[in-house]
């Protein structure tokens, strides 16, 4: 229940912050959030991997997803594309 309440507060604060953002900034935030969510899924899969090689591959993919999301979000925020 505590997690749900925290998530609801975070969503509310995010929506409030989005009101004062440009469309490009809002889109950049969404890109970053989606990349973070995807990376977390890969990290969770890495935690459940059956061997170290698979775990390392998944962790590297998670890092790549985060980096790509960050770069794309930065580009969108600065250039609108």
N, C-alpha and C. Protein backbone atom coordinates (compact mmCIF):
# COMPACT_ATOMS: atom_id res chain seq x y z
N UNK A 1 0.83 -1.19 0.00
CA UNK A 1 0.00 0.00 0.00
C UNK A 1 0.87 1.25 0.00
N UNK A 2 1.98 1.18 0.74
CA UNK A 2 2.88 2.32 0.82
C UNK A 2 3.48 2.63 -0.56
N UNK A 3 3.79 1.57 -1.31
CA UNK A 3 4.34 1.74 -2.65
C UNK A 3 3.33 2.40 -3.58
N UNK A 4 2.09 1.98 -3.47
CA UNK A 4 1.04 2.56 -4.32
C UNK A 4 0.86 4.04 -4.00
N UNK A 5 0.88 4.38 -2.73
CA UNK A 5 0.74 5.78 -2.34
C UNK A 5 1.90 6.61 -2.85
N UNK A 6 3.10 6.06 -2.73
CA UNK A 6 4.29 6.77 -3.22
C UNK A 6 4.21 6.97 -4.73
N UNK A 7 3.77 5.93 -5.43
CA UNK A 7 3.63 6.02 -6.88
C UNK A 7 2.59 7.06 -7.26
N UNK A 8 1.48 7.11 -6.55
CA UNK A 8 0.44 8.10 -6.84
C UNK A 8 0.94 9.52 -6.62
N UNK A 9 1.71 9.72 -5.56
CA UNK A 9 2.28 11.04 -5.31
C UNK A 9 3.28 11.41 -6.40
N UNK A 10 4.10 10.46 -6.80
CA UNK A 10 5.09 10.72 -7.85
C UNK A 10 4.41 11.08 -9.17
N UNK A 11 3.36 10.37 -9.51
CA UNK A 11 2.63 10.66 -10.74
C UNK A 11 1.99 12.05 -10.67
N UNK A 12 1.44 12.37 -9.53
CA UNK A 12 0.83 13.69 -9.35
C UNK A 12 1.85 14.80 -9.47
N UNK A 13 3.00 14.62 -8.85
CA UNK A 13 4.06 15.63 -8.95
C UNK A 13 4.58 15.73 -10.38
N UNK A 14 4.68 14.60 -11.05
CA UNK A 14 5.12 14.61 -12.44
C UNK A 14 4.14 15.36 -13.33
N UNK A 15 2.86 15.15 -13.11
CA UNK A 15 1.85 15.85 -13.89
C UNK A 15 1.89 17.34 -13.61
N UNK A 16 2.10 17.70 -12.37
CA UNK A 16 2.18 19.10 -11.99
C UNK A 16 3.41 19.75 -12.63
N UNK A 17 4.52 19.07 -12.61
CA UNK A 17 5.74 19.60 -13.22
C UNK A 17 5.57 19.72 -14.73
N UNK A 18 4.85 18.80 -15.33
CA UNK A 18 4.66 18.81 -16.78
C UNK A 18 3.88 20.04 -17.23
N UNK A 19 3.09 20.61 -16.37
CA UNK A 19 2.30 21.78 -16.72
C UNK A 19 3.18 22.98 -17.06
N UNK A 20 4.38 23.01 -16.52
CA UNK A 20 5.26 24.14 -16.74
C UNK A 20 6.39 23.81 -17.71
N UNK A 21 6.26 22.72 -18.44
CA UNK A 21 7.28 22.32 -19.39
C UNK A 21 6.83 22.61 -20.80
N UNK A 22 7.83 22.79 -21.66
CA UNK A 22 7.51 22.90 -23.07
C UNK A 22 7.14 21.51 -23.58
N UNK A 23 6.49 21.42 -24.73
CA UNK A 23 6.17 20.09 -25.27
C UNK A 23 7.41 19.23 -25.49
N UNK A 24 8.51 19.87 -25.90
CA UNK A 24 9.74 19.12 -26.12
C UNK A 24 10.28 18.56 -24.80
N UNK A 25 10.21 19.35 -23.74
CA UNK A 25 10.69 18.88 -22.44
C UNK A 25 9.82 17.74 -21.91
N UNK A 26 8.52 17.86 -22.10
CA UNK A 26 7.61 16.80 -21.67
C UNK A 26 7.88 15.52 -22.44
N UNK A 27 8.09 15.66 -23.75
CA UNK A 27 8.39 14.48 -24.57
C UNK A 27 9.73 13.87 -24.14
N UNK A 28 10.71 14.70 -23.86
CA UNK A 28 12.01 14.22 -23.42
C UNK A 28 11.88 13.47 -22.09
N UNK A 29 11.07 13.98 -21.19
CA UNK A 29 10.86 13.30 -19.91
C UNK A 29 10.20 11.94 -20.11
N UNK A 30 9.25 11.88 -21.03
CA UNK A 30 8.59 10.61 -21.32
C UNK A 30 9.56 9.60 -21.93
N UNK A 31 10.40 10.07 -22.83
CA UNK A 31 11.41 9.19 -23.44
C UNK A 31 12.33 8.64 -22.37
N UNK A 32 12.79 9.51 -21.49
CA UNK A 32 13.70 9.08 -20.42
C UNK A 32 13.01 8.10 -19.48
N UNK A 33 11.77 8.36 -19.13
CA UNK A 33 11.03 7.46 -18.24
C UNK A 33 10.83 6.09 -18.89
N UNK A 34 10.50 6.08 -20.17
CA UNK A 34 10.31 4.81 -20.87
C UNK A 34 11.61 4.03 -20.95
N UNK A 35 12.71 4.72 -21.21
CA UNK A 35 14.01 4.05 -21.26
C UNK A 35 14.37 3.49 -19.89
N UNK A 36 14.11 4.26 -18.85
CA UNK A 36 14.40 3.79 -17.49
C UNK A 36 13.57 2.56 -17.15
N UNK A 37 12.31 2.57 -17.53
CA UNK A 37 11.45 1.41 -17.27
C UNK A 37 11.94 0.17 -18.01
N UNK A 38 12.32 0.35 -19.26
CA UNK A 38 12.83 -0.78 -20.03
C UNK A 38 14.14 -1.29 -19.43
N UNK A 39 15.01 -0.38 -19.03
CA UNK A 39 16.27 -0.78 -18.42
C UNK A 39 16.03 -1.53 -17.12
N UNK A 40 15.08 -1.08 -16.33
CA UNK A 40 14.76 -1.77 -15.08
C UNK A 40 14.26 -3.19 -15.34
N UNK A 41 13.53 -3.37 -16.42
CA UNK A 41 13.05 -4.71 -16.76
C UNK A 41 14.24 -5.61 -17.11
N UNK A 42 15.22 -5.07 -17.83
CA UNK A 42 16.41 -5.85 -18.16
C UNK A 42 17.22 -6.15 -16.91
N UNK A 43 17.29 -5.19 -15.99
CA UNK A 43 18.02 -5.42 -14.75
C UNK A 43 17.33 -6.48 -13.89
N UNK A 44 16.02 -6.47 -13.88
CA UNK A 44 15.28 -7.50 -13.14
C UNK A 44 15.53 -8.87 -13.76
N UNK A 45 15.55 -8.92 -15.08
CA UNK A 45 15.85 -10.19 -15.76
C UNK A 45 17.28 -10.63 -15.44
N UNK A 46 18.19 -9.68 -15.36
CA UNK A 46 19.58 -10.02 -15.01
C UNK A 46 19.66 -10.59 -13.61
N UNK A 47 18.88 -10.04 -12.70
CA UNK A 47 18.87 -10.55 -11.33
C UNK A 47 18.38 -12.00 -11.27
N UNK A 48 17.54 -12.37 -12.22
CA UNK A 48 16.99 -13.73 -12.25
C UNK A 48 17.72 -14.64 -13.24
N UNK A 49 18.81 -14.16 -13.82
CA UNK A 49 19.54 -14.94 -14.82
C UNK A 49 20.13 -16.20 -14.19
N UNK A 50 20.23 -17.23 -15.00
CA UNK A 50 20.70 -18.52 -14.49
C UNK A 50 22.23 -18.62 -14.46
N UNK A 51 22.91 -17.71 -15.16
CA UNK A 51 24.37 -17.73 -15.11
C UNK A 51 24.93 -16.32 -15.23
N UNK A 52 26.20 -16.18 -14.92
CA UNK A 52 26.82 -14.86 -14.89
C UNK A 52 26.95 -14.22 -16.27
N UNK A 53 27.15 -15.01 -17.29
CA UNK A 53 27.28 -14.46 -18.64
C UNK A 53 25.97 -13.80 -19.07
N UNK A 54 24.88 -14.49 -18.87
CA UNK A 54 23.57 -13.94 -19.21
C UNK A 54 23.28 -12.70 -18.39
N UNK A 55 23.62 -12.76 -17.11
CA UNK A 55 23.41 -11.61 -16.23
C UNK A 55 24.18 -10.40 -16.73
N UNK A 56 25.42 -10.60 -17.11
CA UNK A 56 26.24 -9.48 -17.59
C UNK A 56 25.71 -8.92 -18.90
N UNK A 57 25.27 -9.79 -19.78
CA UNK A 57 24.70 -9.35 -21.06
C UNK A 57 23.47 -8.49 -20.82
N UNK A 58 22.59 -8.94 -19.94
CA UNK A 58 21.38 -8.19 -19.65
C UNK A 58 21.69 -6.86 -18.98
N UNK A 59 22.66 -6.85 -18.09
CA UNK A 59 23.04 -5.59 -17.44
C UNK A 59 23.64 -4.61 -18.45
N UNK A 60 24.42 -5.13 -19.39
CA UNK A 60 24.98 -4.26 -20.43
C UNK A 60 23.88 -3.70 -21.32
N UNK A 61 22.89 -4.52 -21.63
CA UNK A 61 21.77 -4.04 -22.43
C UNK A 61 20.99 -2.97 -21.68
N UNK A 62 20.80 -3.15 -20.38
CA UNK A 62 20.11 -2.16 -19.57
C UNK A 62 20.87 -0.83 -19.59
N UNK A 63 22.18 -0.91 -19.46
CA UNK A 63 22.99 0.31 -19.49
C UNK A 63 22.90 0.99 -20.86
N UNK A 64 22.92 0.19 -21.92
CA UNK A 64 22.78 0.75 -23.26
C UNK A 64 21.44 1.42 -23.49
N UNK A 65 20.40 0.81 -22.97
CA UNK A 65 19.05 1.39 -23.09
C UNK A 65 18.98 2.72 -22.35
N UNK A 66 19.53 2.75 -21.14
CA UNK A 66 19.52 4.00 -20.36
C UNK A 66 20.29 5.09 -21.10
N UNK A 67 21.47 4.75 -21.61
CA UNK A 67 22.29 5.73 -22.32
C UNK A 67 21.59 6.25 -23.57
N UNK A 68 21.01 5.33 -24.33
CA UNK A 68 20.30 5.72 -25.55
C UNK A 68 19.10 6.60 -25.22
N UNK A 69 18.36 6.24 -24.18
CA UNK A 69 17.22 7.04 -23.77
C UNK A 69 17.63 8.43 -23.33
N UNK A 70 18.72 8.49 -22.58
CA UNK A 70 19.22 9.78 -22.11
C UNK A 70 19.66 10.65 -23.29
N UNK A 71 20.37 10.06 -24.23
CA UNK A 71 20.83 10.82 -25.40
C UNK A 71 19.67 11.30 -26.25
N UNK A 72 18.70 10.44 -26.48
CA UNK A 72 17.54 10.82 -27.28
C UNK A 72 16.73 11.90 -26.57
N UNK A 73 16.53 11.72 -25.27
CA UNK A 73 15.76 12.71 -24.51
C UNK A 73 16.45 14.07 -24.53
N UNK A 74 17.76 14.06 -24.40
CA UNK A 74 18.52 15.31 -24.43
C UNK A 74 18.39 15.98 -25.80
N UNK A 75 18.47 15.19 -26.85
CA UNK A 75 18.34 15.71 -28.21
C UNK A 75 16.95 16.31 -28.44
N UNK A 76 15.92 15.62 -27.97
CA UNK A 76 14.55 16.10 -28.13
C UNK A 76 14.36 17.39 -27.35
N UNK A 77 14.87 17.45 -26.13
CA UNK A 77 14.71 18.64 -25.29
C UNK A 77 15.41 19.85 -25.92
N UNK A 78 16.56 19.62 -26.53
CA UNK A 78 17.32 20.74 -27.09
C UNK A 78 16.89 21.12 -28.49
N UNK A 79 16.55 20.11 -29.30
CA UNK A 79 16.29 20.37 -30.71
C UNK A 79 14.86 20.11 -31.15
N UNK A 80 14.08 19.53 -30.28
CA UNK A 80 12.70 19.23 -30.65
C UNK A 80 12.57 18.06 -31.59
N UNK A 81 13.63 17.25 -31.74
CA UNK A 81 13.58 16.06 -32.60
C UNK A 81 14.30 14.92 -31.95
